[in-house]
Amino acid sequence: MRSTPQRFHFISGLPRSGSTLLAAILRQNPRFHAGMTSPVGSFFNAMMTQFSAGSEFASVVDQAKRAHLLRGLFELYYDDTGKELVFDTNRQWCAKMPALMELFPGAKVIACVRNVAWVMDSIERIYRANPFENTKLFGNMGRSSVYTRLEGLALHDQMVGFAWSALREAFYGEHATSLLVIDYDLLTRSPQQVVPLLYQFIGEPVFEHDFDNLVYDAPDFDHELGVPGLHKVRPRVEASTRRTMLPPDLFDKFSQMTFWTNPDGSCANIIAPQPAKP
C-alpha cells in the first residue's frame, strides 16, 4: 500500500500541440504517470450529470458526497499505476478549473499550445495522409473541402474551438495562477530549458530526462479513430520546419487566434515566445 496519497496534476490545452509529447517526457520519471487523453474526463461528466439538478439522485447526493465521489474516481482509476504523481490529460480540464482546484488543492494545469494555424495545418495534414479513411476526427461535420473541415473544427463545440475556448476561460479566470501555458515550438526547440521550468512550477525536484529516447504509442486507439500514428511520439525531441498546406487566407485567419502571446489581463504562467516590443 502507498505510504502517501497519490497527487494529481492535469495536462490540457489545444490539440496537436504537444500534450502527448509532454506526457512521453514526464513518464520517463519513475515517480510520474502520464499518457494520452484518458477516459476520466468522460466519467467525470457522466457522474456530474447523475447527481446534478434534473437528476432523480440530486437531492440525495450533497456537495460533500459529490466531491468525495469525484476524488474517488481519479484515485480508483489510477490506483494500479503505483505512481505517486499522476498527470491526467484531457482538453476539458481548462474549463473545469474551479472543480479541480476544490477537489485537489495545489494541483496545477499544464496547457500545451501552438499557433492555431499550425494546429489546423497538422490536422489537415493527417486527413490528407489517409485519403481512403473516413476518419472520426471531424465527427458528423462536413468535410468536402479544407474550408469546410477546418472552419467546422473552429466552432466552439468542436475539437479545436472547444479547446481554444476552454483555454481562454482558464487563461483569464480566477485560477489562472495555477495554469502553466507551454508553447509547442519552444518545447521542441529547447526541452532542456522548458522542462525544468515545468518542474519548478509544480514544485518537484528536477529529473534528468533523455530527450533522444522517448517511447509512446497508442496504435489501437488511433486505429479506432481512423488516424494511424496520431499518438506515436518520435524518439527524439526536435523542432521541424515545413511549408503549410493551408490556403493563405485560412492560415492568416487562424494565426490571429493565438491570444496567449499577449498576457495582458491574465495571471497565467507562460512559457512562450513574446511579441517584440515596438
C-alpha atoms as a PDB file:
ATOM      1  CA  MET A   1       0.000   0.000   0.000  1.00  0.00           C
ATOM      2  CA  ARG A   2       1.208   3.511  -0.859  1.00  0.00           C
ATOM      3  CA  SER A   3       2.537   5.371   2.188  1.00  0.00           C
ATOM      4  CA  THR A   4       1.251   8.755   0.951  1.00  0.00           C
ATOM      5  CA  PRO A   5      -1.862   9.580  -1.116  1.00  0.00           C
ATOM      6  CA  GLN A   6      -1.483   9.996  -4.856  1.00  0.00           C
ATOM      7  CA  ARG A   7      -1.261  13.564  -6.054  1.00  0.00           C
ATOM      8  CA  PHE A   8      -2.712  14.877  -9.301  1.00  0.00           C
ATOM      9  CA  HIS A   9      -1.850  17.461 -11.901  1.00  0.00           C
ATOM     10  CA  PHE A  10      -3.515  17.909 -15.284  1.00  0.00           C
ATOM     11  CA  ILE A  11      -2.462  18.297 -18.920  1.00  0.00           C
ATOM     12  CA  SER A  12      -4.817  20.223 -21.177  1.00  0.00           C
ATOM     13  CA  GLY A  13      -4.711  22.843 -23.934  1.00  0.00           C
ATOM     14  CA  LEU A  14      -5.021  22.664 -27.702  1.00  0.00           C
ATOM     15  CA  PRO A  15      -4.956  19.517 -29.845  1.00  0.00           C
ATOM     16  CA  ARG A  16      -1.823  18.788 -31.888  1.00  0.00           C
ATOM     17  CA  SER A  17       0.193  20.994 -29.541  1.00  0.00           C
ATOM     18  CA  GLY A  18       2.463  18.565 -27.717  1.00  0.00           C
ATOM     19  CA  SER A  19       0.350  17.095 -24.909  1.00  0.00           C
ATOM     20  CA  THR A  20       1.281  13.518 -25.851  1.00  0.00           C
ATOM     21  CA  LEU A  21       4.898  14.562 -26.335  1.00  0.00           C
ATOM     22  CA  LEU A  22       4.909  16.167 -22.894  1.00  0.00           C
ATOM     23  CA  ALA A  23       3.368  13.036 -21.370  1.00  0.00           C
ATOM     24  CA  ALA A  24       6.034  10.894 -23.035  1.00  0.00           C
ATOM     25  CA  ILE A  25       8.704  13.105 -21.469  1.00  0.00           C
ATOM     26  CA  LEU A  26       7.166  13.151 -17.993  1.00  0.00           C
ATOM     27  CA  ARG A  27       6.591   9.402 -17.848  1.00  0.00           C
ATOM     28  CA  GLN A  28      10.368   8.890 -18.000  1.00  0.00           C
ATOM     29  CA  ASN A  29      10.366   9.998 -14.365  1.00  0.00           C
ATOM     30  CA  PRO A  30       9.751   6.794 -12.365  1.00  0.00           C
ATOM     31  CA  ARG A  31       7.605   8.737  -9.862  1.00  0.00           C
ATOM     32  CA  PHE A  32       5.221  10.042 -12.529  1.00  0.00           C
ATOM     33  CA  HIS A  33       2.359   8.618 -14.551  1.00  0.00           C
ATOM     34  CA  ALA A  34       1.279  10.431 -17.734  1.00  0.00           C
ATOM     35  CA  GLY A  35      -0.310   9.482 -21.026  1.00  0.00           C
ATOM     36  CA  MET A  36      -2.676  10.482 -23.806  1.00  0.00           C
ATOM     37  CA  THR A  37      -6.247  11.608 -23.134  1.00  0.00           C
ATOM     38  CA  SER A  38      -7.796   9.328 -20.512  1.00  0.00           C
ATOM     39  CA  PRO A  39     -11.479   8.379 -20.068  1.00  0.00           C
ATOM     40  CA  VAL A  40     -11.566  10.025 -16.636  1.00  0.00           C
ATOM     41  CA  GLY A  41     -12.934  13.268 -18.077  1.00  0.00           C
ATOM     42  CA  SER A  42     -15.876  11.432 -19.640  1.00  0.00           C
ATOM     43  CA  PHE A  43     -16.536   9.559 -16.389  1.00  0.00           C
ATOM     44  CA  PHE A  44     -16.358  12.890 -14.547  1.00  0.00           C
ATOM     45  CA  ASN A  45     -19.032  14.425 -16.782  1.00  0.00           C
ATOM     46  CA  ALA A  46     -21.269  11.370 -16.527  1.00  0.00           C
ATOM     47  CA  MET A  47     -21.136  11.429 -12.738  1.00  0.00           C
ATOM     48  CA  MET A  48     -21.866  15.156 -12.649  1.00  0.00           C
ATOM     49  CA  THR A  49     -24.960  14.552 -14.775  1.00  0.00           C
ATOM     50  CA  GLN A  50     -26.201  11.838 -12.450  1.00  0.00           C
ATOM     51  CA  PHE A  51     -26.127  13.925  -9.275  1.00  0.00           C
ATOM     52  CA  SER A  52     -26.807  17.427 -10.627  1.00  0.00           C
ATOM     53  CA  ALA A  53     -30.105  19.304 -10.909  1.00  0.00           C
ATOM     54  CA  GLY A  54     -32.621  17.446 -13.034  1.00  0.00           C
ATOM     55  CA  SER A  55     -31.451  14.032 -11.902  1.00  0.00           C
ATOM     56  CA  GLU A  56     -33.572  11.926  -9.567  1.00  0.00           C
ATOM     57  CA  PHE A  57     -30.479  11.475  -7.391  1.00  0.00           C
ATOM     58  CA  ALA A  58     -29.607  15.157  -6.974  1.00  0.00           C
ATOM     59  CA  SER A  59     -31.444  15.502  -3.660  1.00  0.00           C
ATOM     60  CA  VAL A  60     -29.683  12.543  -2.034  1.00  0.00           C
ATOM     61  CA  VAL A  61     -26.092  13.403  -3.034  1.00  0.00           C
ATOM     62  CA  ASP A  62     -24.944  16.521  -1.199  1.00  0.00           C
ATOM     63  CA  GLN A  63     -21.944  18.675  -2.093  1.00  0.00           C
ATOM     64  CA  ALA A  64     -19.544  16.876   0.232  1.00  0.00           C
ATOM     65  CA  LYS A  65     -20.555  13.494  -1.176  1.00  0.00           C
ATOM     66  CA  ARG A  66     -20.195  14.761  -4.734  1.00  0.00           C
ATOM     67  CA  ALA A  67     -16.639  15.925  -4.086  1.00  0.00           C
ATOM     68  CA  HIS A  68     -15.824  12.624  -2.378  1.00  0.00           C
ATOM     69  CA  LEU A  69     -17.146  10.613  -5.322  1.00  0.00           C
ATOM     70  CA  LEU A  70     -15.281  12.690  -7.884  1.00  0.00           C
ATOM     71  CA  ARG A  71     -11.989  12.483  -5.994  1.00  0.00           C
ATOM     72  CA  GLY A  72     -12.518   8.759  -5.681  1.00  0.00           C
ATOM     73  CA  LEU A  73     -12.937   8.487  -9.445  1.00  0.00           C
ATOM     74  CA  PHE A  74      -9.369   9.711 -10.016  1.00  0.00           C
ATOM     75  CA  GLU A  75      -7.936   7.724  -7.126  1.00  0.00           C
ATOM     76  CA  LEU A  76      -9.546   4.439  -8.155  1.00  0.00           C
ATOM     77  CA  TYR A  77      -8.778   4.794 -11.849  1.00  0.00           C
ATOM     78  CA  TYR A  78      -5.069   5.405 -11.223  1.00  0.00           C
ATOM     79  CA  ASP A  79      -4.617   3.227  -8.151  1.00  0.00           C
ATOM     80  CA  ASP A  80      -2.936   0.432 -10.109  1.00  0.00           C
ATOM     81  CA  THR A  81      -0.255   2.680 -11.610  1.00  0.00           C
ATOM     82  CA  GLY A  82       1.841   2.578  -8.454  1.00  0.00           C
ATOM     83  CA  LYS A  83       2.970   6.165  -9.146  1.00  0.00           C
ATOM     84  CA  GLU A  84       2.872   8.906  -6.546  1.00  0.00           C
ATOM     85  CA  LEU A  85       2.162  11.732  -9.012  1.00  0.00           C
ATOM     86  CA  VAL A  86      -0.362  11.441 -11.852  1.00  0.00           C
ATOM     87  CA  PHE A  87      -0.874  13.767 -14.806  1.00  0.00           C
ATOM     88  CA  ASP A  88      -4.323  13.209 -16.303  1.00  0.00           C
ATOM     89  CA  THR A  89      -4.768  14.529 -19.825  1.00  0.00           C
ATOM     90  CA  ASN A  90      -7.986  15.991 -21.195  1.00  0.00           C
ATOM     91  CA  ARG A  91      -8.738  19.144 -23.186  1.00  0.00           C
ATOM     92  CA  GLN A  92     -11.754  19.868 -20.984  1.00  0.00           C
ATOM     93  CA  TRP A  93      -9.717  20.419 -17.791  1.00  0.00           C
ATOM     94  CA  CYS A  94      -9.110  24.080 -18.677  1.00  0.00           C
ATOM     95  CA  ALA A  95     -12.890  24.538 -18.445  1.00  0.00           C
ATOM     96  CA  LYS A  96     -13.108  22.638 -15.140  1.00  0.00           C
ATOM     97  CA  MET A  97     -10.527  24.501 -13.078  1.00  0.00           C
ATOM     98  CA  PRO A  98     -12.905  25.606 -10.268  1.00  0.00           C
ATOM     99  CA  ALA A  99     -13.840  21.966  -9.664  1.00  0.00           C
ATOM    100  CA  LEU A 100     -10.249  20.693  -9.973  1.00  0.00           C
ATOM    101  CA  MET A 101      -8.872  23.298  -7.583  1.00  0.00           C
ATOM    102  CA  GLU A 102     -11.505  22.407  -4.985  1.00  0.00           C
ATOM    103  CA  LEU A 103     -11.022  18.661  -5.387  1.00  0.00           C
ATOM    104  CA  PHE A 104      -7.216  18.840  -5.446  1.00  0.00           C
ATOM    105  CA  PRO A 105      -5.892  21.952  -3.669  1.00  0.00           C
ATOM    106  CA  GLY A 106      -2.447  22.768  -5.005  1.00  0.00           C
ATOM    107  CA  ALA A 107      -2.990  20.957  -8.296  1.00  0.00           C
ATOM    108  CA  LYS A 108      -1.647  22.542 -11.475  1.00  0.00           C
ATOM    109  CA  VAL A 109      -2.922  22.527 -15.044  1.00  0.00           C
ATOM    110  CA  ILE A 110      -0.369  22.407 -17.851  1.00  0.00           C
ATOM    111  CA  ALA A 111      -1.817  23.771 -21.107  1.00  0.00           C
ATOM    112  CA  CYS A 112       0.026  22.851 -24.295  1.00  0.00           C
ATOM    113  CA  VAL A 113      -0.442  25.456 -27.032  1.00  0.00           C
ATOM    114  CA  ARG A 114       0.624  26.182 -30.575  1.00  0.00           C
ATOM    115  CA  ASN A 115      -0.130  28.796 -33.179  1.00  0.00           C
ATOM    116  CA  VAL A 116      -3.686  27.792 -34.100  1.00  0.00           C
ATOM    117  CA  ALA A 117      -2.874  27.935 -37.804  1.00  0.00           C
ATOM    118  CA  TRP A 118      -0.280  25.191 -37.301  1.00  0.00           C
ATOM    119  CA  VAL A 119      -2.768  23.189 -35.218  1.00  0.00           C
ATOM    120  CA  MET A 120      -5.125  23.287 -38.182  1.00  0.00           C
ATOM    121  CA  ASP A 121      -2.301  22.520 -40.594  1.00  0.00           C
ATOM    122  CA  SER A 122      -1.388  19.447 -38.553  1.00  0.00           C
ATOM    123  CA  ILE A 123      -4.974  18.164 -38.557  1.00  0.00           C
ATOM    124  CA  GLU A 124      -5.356  18.776 -42.288  1.00  0.00           C
ATOM    125  CA  ARG A 125      -2.046  17.031 -42.938  1.00  0.00           C
ATOM    126  CA  ILE A 126      -3.284  13.953 -41.051  1.00  0.00           C
ATOM    127  CA  TYR A 127      -6.528  13.983 -43.025  1.00  0.00           C
ATOM    128  CA  ARG A 128      -4.755  14.111 -46.374  1.00  0.00           C
ATOM    129  CA  ALA A 129      -2.287  11.404 -45.366  1.00  0.00           C
ATOM    130  CA  ASN A 130      -5.208   8.969 -45.061  1.00  0.00           C
ATOM    131  CA  PRO A 131      -7.250   9.610 -48.225  1.00  0.00           C
ATOM    132  CA  PHE A 132      -9.053   6.252 -48.071  1.00  0.00           C
ATOM    133  CA  GLU A 133     -10.128   6.546 -44.429  1.00  0.00           C
ATOM    134  CA  ASN A 134     -13.243   8.333 -43.209  1.00  0.00           C
ATOM    135  CA  THR A 135     -11.568   9.475 -40.001  1.00  0.00           C
ATOM    136  CA  LYS A 136     -13.642  10.231 -36.915  1.00  0.00           C
ATOM    137  CA  LEU A 137     -11.705  13.433 -36.243  1.00  0.00           C
ATOM    138  CA  PHE A 138     -14.461  15.515 -37.834  1.00  0.00           C
ATOM    139  CA  GLY A 139     -17.422  13.689 -36.313  1.00  0.00           C
ATOM    140  CA  ASN A 140     -20.560  14.410 -38.311  1.00  0.00           C
ATOM    141  CA  MET A 141     -19.297  17.691 -39.715  1.00  0.00           C
ATOM    142  CA  GLY A 142     -18.948  18.368 -43.405  1.00  0.00           C
ATOM    143  CA  ARG A 143     -15.544  17.594 -44.855  1.00  0.00           C
ATOM    144  CA  SER A 144     -15.965  18.494 -48.522  1.00  0.00           C
ATOM    145  CA  SER A 145     -13.083  20.986 -48.599  1.00  0.00           C
ATOM    146  CA  VAL A 146     -10.331  22.348 -46.390  1.00  0.00           C
ATOM    147  CA  TYR A 147     -12.592  25.330 -45.598  1.00  0.00           C
ATOM    148  CA  THR A 148     -15.489  23.133 -44.517  1.00  0.00           C
ATOM    149  CA  ARG A 149     -13.253  20.887 -42.432  1.00  0.00           C
ATOM    150  CA  LEU A 150     -11.216  23.485 -40.595  1.00  0.00           C
ATOM    151  CA  GLU A 151     -13.849  26.177 -40.113  1.00  0.00           C
ATOM    152  CA  GLY A 152     -16.063  23.451 -38.684  1.00  0.00           C
ATOM    153  CA  LEU A 153     -13.340  22.381 -36.248  1.00  0.00           C
ATOM    154  CA  ALA A 154     -13.069  26.003 -35.060  1.00  0.00           C
ATOM    155  CA  LEU A 155     -16.677  26.110 -33.839  1.00  0.00           C
ATOM    156  CA  HIS A 156     -16.931  26.449 -30.067  1.00  0.00           C
ATOM    157  CA  ASP A 157     -18.355  22.946 -29.580  1.00  0.00           C
ATOM    158  CA  GLN A 158     -15.853  21.178 -31.852  1.00  0.00           C
ATOM    159  CA  MET A 159     -12.366  19.781 -31.298  1.00  0.00           C
ATOM    160  CA  VAL A 160     -10.273  22.918 -31.800  1.00  0.00           C
ATOM    161  CA  GLY A 161     -12.879  25.554 -30.974  1.00  0.00           C
ATOM    162  CA  PHE A 162     -13.829  23.947 -27.666  1.00  0.00           C
ATOM    163  CA  ALA A 163     -10.216  23.508 -26.564  1.00  0.00           C
ATOM    164  CA  TRP A 164      -9.434  27.121 -27.536  1.00  0.00           C
ATOM    165  CA  SER A 165     -12.475  28.460 -25.653  1.00  0.00           C
ATOM    166  CA  ALA A 166     -11.667  26.384 -22.573  1.00  0.00           C
ATOM    167  CA  LEU A 167      -8.077  27.632 -22.646  1.00  0.00           C
ATOM    168  CA  ARG A 168      -9.240  31.266 -22.793  1.00  0.00           C
ATOM    169  CA  GLU A 169     -11.546  30.609 -19.850  1.00  0.00           C
ATOM    170  CA  ALA A 170      -8.655  29.278 -17.776  1.00  0.00           C
ATOM    171  CA  PHE A 171      -6.185  31.903 -19.022  1.00  0.00           C
ATOM    172  CA  TYR A 172      -8.331  34.822 -17.859  1.00  0.00           C
ATOM    173  CA  GLY A 173     -10.070  33.036 -14.994  1.00  0.00           C
ATOM    174  CA  GLU A 174      -9.756  33.226 -11.232  1.00  0.00           C
ATOM    175  CA  HIS A 175      -7.447  30.206 -11.073  1.00  0.00           C
ATOM    176  CA  ALA A 176      -5.002  31.382 -13.741  1.00  0.00           C
ATOM    177  CA  THR A 177      -2.100  31.330 -11.281  1.00  0.00           C
ATOM    178  CA  SER A 178      -2.455  27.518 -11.278  1.00  0.00           C
ATOM    179  CA  LEU A 179      -2.154  27.399 -15.072  1.00  0.00           C
ATOM    180  CA  LEU A 180       1.106  26.953 -16.994  1.00  0.00           C
ATOM    181  CA  VAL A 181       0.990  27.563 -20.747  1.00  0.00           C
ATOM    182  CA  ILE A 182       3.740  25.802 -22.725  1.00  0.00           C
ATOM    183  CA  ASP A 183       4.333  26.642 -26.367  1.00  0.00           C
ATOM    184  CA  TYR A 184       4.942  23.639 -28.622  1.00  0.00           C
ATOM    185  CA  ASP A 185       7.682  25.281 -30.650  1.00  0.00           C
ATOM    186  CA  LEU A 186       9.668  26.219 -27.549  1.00  0.00           C
ATOM    187  CA  LEU A 187       9.237  22.736 -26.090  1.00  0.00           C
ATOM    188  CA  THR A 188      10.541  21.063 -29.246  1.00  0.00           C
ATOM    189  CA  ARG A 189      13.390  23.542 -29.723  1.00  0.00           C
ATOM    190  CA  SER A 190      14.585  23.769 -26.124  1.00  0.00           C
ATOM    191  CA  PRO A 191      13.265  20.917 -23.956  1.00  0.00           C
ATOM    192  CA  GLN A 192      16.334  21.178 -21.713  1.00  0.00           C
ATOM    193  CA  GLN A 193      15.218  24.681 -20.693  1.00  0.00           C
ATOM    194  CA  VAL A 194      11.432  24.252 -20.768  1.00  0.00           C
ATOM    195  CA  VAL A 195      11.016  21.036 -18.766  1.00  0.00           C
ATOM    196  CA  PRO A 196      12.947  22.251 -15.677  1.00  0.00           C
ATOM    197  CA  LEU A 197      10.638  25.304 -15.610  1.00  0.00           C
ATOM    198  CA  LEU A 198       7.671  22.934 -15.517  1.00  0.00           C
ATOM    199  CA  TYR A 199       9.225  21.089 -12.574  1.00  0.00           C
ATOM    200  CA  GLN A 200       9.723  24.397 -10.804  1.00  0.00           C
ATOM    201  CA  PHE A 201       6.065  25.285 -11.410  1.00  0.00           C
ATOM    202  CA  ILE A 202       4.764  22.046  -9.883  1.00  0.00           C
ATOM    203  CA  GLY A 203       7.281  22.149  -7.031  1.00  0.00           C
ATOM    204  CA  GLU A 204       9.081  18.901  -7.855  1.00  0.00           C
ATOM    205  CA  PRO A 205      12.820  18.136  -7.901  1.00  0.00           C
ATOM    206  CA  VAL A 206      14.172  18.218 -11.445  1.00  0.00           C
ATOM    207  CA  PHE A 207      14.675  14.847 -13.129  1.00  0.00           C
ATOM    208  CA  GLU A 208      17.291  14.258 -15.816  1.00  0.00           C
ATOM    209  CA  HIS A 209      15.266  13.348 -18.892  1.00  0.00           C
ATOM    210  CA  ASP A 210      16.594  11.701 -22.045  1.00  0.00           C
ATOM    211  CA  PHE A 211      15.202  13.807 -24.888  1.00  0.00           C
ATOM    212  CA  ASP A 212      16.696  11.483 -27.522  1.00  0.00           C
ATOM    213  CA  ASN A 213      14.944   8.294 -26.438  1.00  0.00           C
ATOM    214  CA  LEU A 214      11.225   8.852 -25.886  1.00  0.00           C
ATOM    215  CA  VAL A 215       8.757   5.979 -26.110  1.00  0.00           C
ATOM    216  CA  TYR A 216       4.997   6.386 -26.601  1.00  0.00           C
ATOM    217  CA  ASP A 217       2.428   4.944 -28.979  1.00  0.00           C
ATOM    218  CA  ALA A 218      -1.286   4.068 -28.902  1.00  0.00           C
ATOM    219  CA  PRO A 219      -1.915   2.116 -32.135  1.00  0.00           C
ATOM    220  CA  ASP A 220      -5.208   0.507 -31.093  1.00  0.00           C
ATOM    221  CA  PHE A 221      -6.758   3.830 -30.082  1.00  0.00           C
ATOM    222  CA  ASP A 222      -5.519   5.536 -33.251  1.00  0.00           C
ATOM    223  CA  HIS A 223      -6.867   2.705 -35.407  1.00  0.00           C
ATOM    224  CA  GLU A 224     -10.328   3.156 -33.902  1.00  0.00           C
ATOM    225  CA  LEU A 225     -10.203   6.851 -34.839  1.00  0.00           C
ATOM    226  CA  GLY A 226      -9.083   6.015 -38.344  1.00  0.00           C
ATOM    227  CA  VAL A 227      -5.891   8.013 -37.874  1.00  0.00           C
ATOM    228  CA  PRO A 228      -2.893   5.659 -37.657  1.00  0.00           C
ATOM    229  CA  GLY A 229       0.107   7.159 -35.878  1.00  0.00           C
ATOM    230  CA  LEU A 230      -1.846  10.033 -34.310  1.00  0.00           C
ATOM    231  CA  HIS A 231      -0.321   9.494 -30.846  1.00  0.00           C
ATOM    232  CA  LYS A 232       3.013   7.989 -31.847  1.00  0.00           C
ATOM    233  CA  VAL A 233       5.829  10.107 -30.427  1.00  0.00           C
ATOM    234  CA  ARG A 234       9.127  10.246 -32.244  1.00  0.00           C
ATOM    235  CA  PRO A 235      12.104   9.137 -30.126  1.00  0.00           C
ATOM    236  CA  ARG A 236      13.911  12.474 -30.326  1.00  0.00           C
ATOM    237  CA  VAL A 237      12.534  15.856 -29.256  1.00  0.00           C
ATOM    238  CA  GLU A 238      13.409  18.242 -32.046  1.00  0.00           C
ATOM    239  CA  ALA A 239      11.852  21.103 -33.951  1.00  0.00           C
ATOM    240  CA  SER A 240      10.879  20.659 -37.586  1.00  0.00           C
ATOM    241  CA  THR A 241      10.047  23.167 -40.264  1.00  0.00           C
ATOM    242  CA  ARG A 242       7.690  22.744 -43.185  1.00  0.00           C
ATOM    243  CA  ARG A 243       5.571  24.737 -45.559  1.00  0.00           C
ATOM    244  CA  THR A 244       1.913  24.977 -44.612  1.00  0.00           C
ATOM    245  CA  MET A 245      -0.624  23.238 -46.830  1.00  0.00           C
ATOM    246  CA  LEU A 246      -3.379  25.703 -45.860  1.00  0.00           C
ATOM    247  CA  PRO A 247      -4.543  28.468 -48.205  1.00  0.00           C
ATOM    248  CA  PRO A 248      -3.011  31.813 -47.121  1.00  0.00           C
ATOM    249  CA  ASP A 249      -6.334  33.310 -46.019  1.00  0.00           C
ATOM    250  CA  LEU A 250      -7.091  30.362 -43.726  1.00  0.00           C
ATOM    251  CA  PHE A 251      -3.583  30.380 -42.273  1.00  0.00           C
ATOM    252  CA  ASP A 252      -3.799  34.113 -41.511  1.00  0.00           C
ATOM    253  CA  LYS A 253      -7.278  33.759 -40.030  1.00  0.00           C
ATOM    254  CA  PHE A 254      -6.311  31.045 -37.579  1.00  0.00           C
ATOM    255  CA  SER A 255      -2.986  32.695 -36.674  1.00  0.00           C
ATOM    256  CA  GLN A 256      -4.987  35.583 -35.217  1.00  0.00           C
ATOM    257  CA  MET A 257      -6.440  33.234 -32.588  1.00  0.00           C
ATOM    258  CA  THR A 258      -3.066  32.926 -30.814  1.00  0.00           C
ATOM    259  CA  PHE A 259      -4.009  35.098 -27.824  1.00  0.00           C
ATOM    260  CA  TRP A 260      -1.540  33.864 -25.174  1.00  0.00           C
ATOM    261  CA  THR A 261       1.382  35.786 -26.663  1.00  0.00           C
ATOM    262  CA  ASN A 262      -0.223  38.913 -25.204  1.00  0.00           C
ATOM    263  CA  PRO A 263      -0.711  38.142 -21.484  1.00  0.00           C
ATOM    264  CA  ASP A 264      -2.366  41.440 -20.555  1.00  0.00           C
ATOM    265  CA  GLY A 265      -5.258  40.781 -18.185  1.00  0.00           C
ATOM    266  CA  SER A 266      -4.072  37.307 -17.229  1.00  0.00           C
ATOM    267  CA  CYS A 267      -2.221  35.918 -14.204  1.00  0.00           C
ATOM    268  CA  ALA A 268      -1.305  32.700 -16.025  1.00  0.00           C
ATOM    269  CA  ASN A 269       2.265  31.432 -16.168  1.00  0.00           C
ATOM    270  CA  ILE A 270       3.566  31.351 -19.729  1.00  0.00           C
ATOM    271  CA  ILE A 271       6.468  29.645 -21.456  1.00  0.00           C
ATOM    272  CA  ALA A 272       6.013  31.011 -24.968  1.00  0.00           C
ATOM    273  CA  PRO A 273       7.655  33.497 -27.321  1.00  0.00           C
ATOM    274  CA  GLN A 274       6.534  37.029 -26.602  1.00  0.00           C
ATOM    275  CA  PRO A 275       5.958  39.559 -29.402  1.00  0.00           C
ATOM    276  CA  ALA A 276       8.772  42.020 -29.973  1.00  0.00           C
ATOM    277  CA  LYS A 277       8.205  45.405 -28.381  1.00  0.00           C
ATOM    278  CA  PRO A 278       7.941  48.284 -30.875  1.00  0.00           C
END
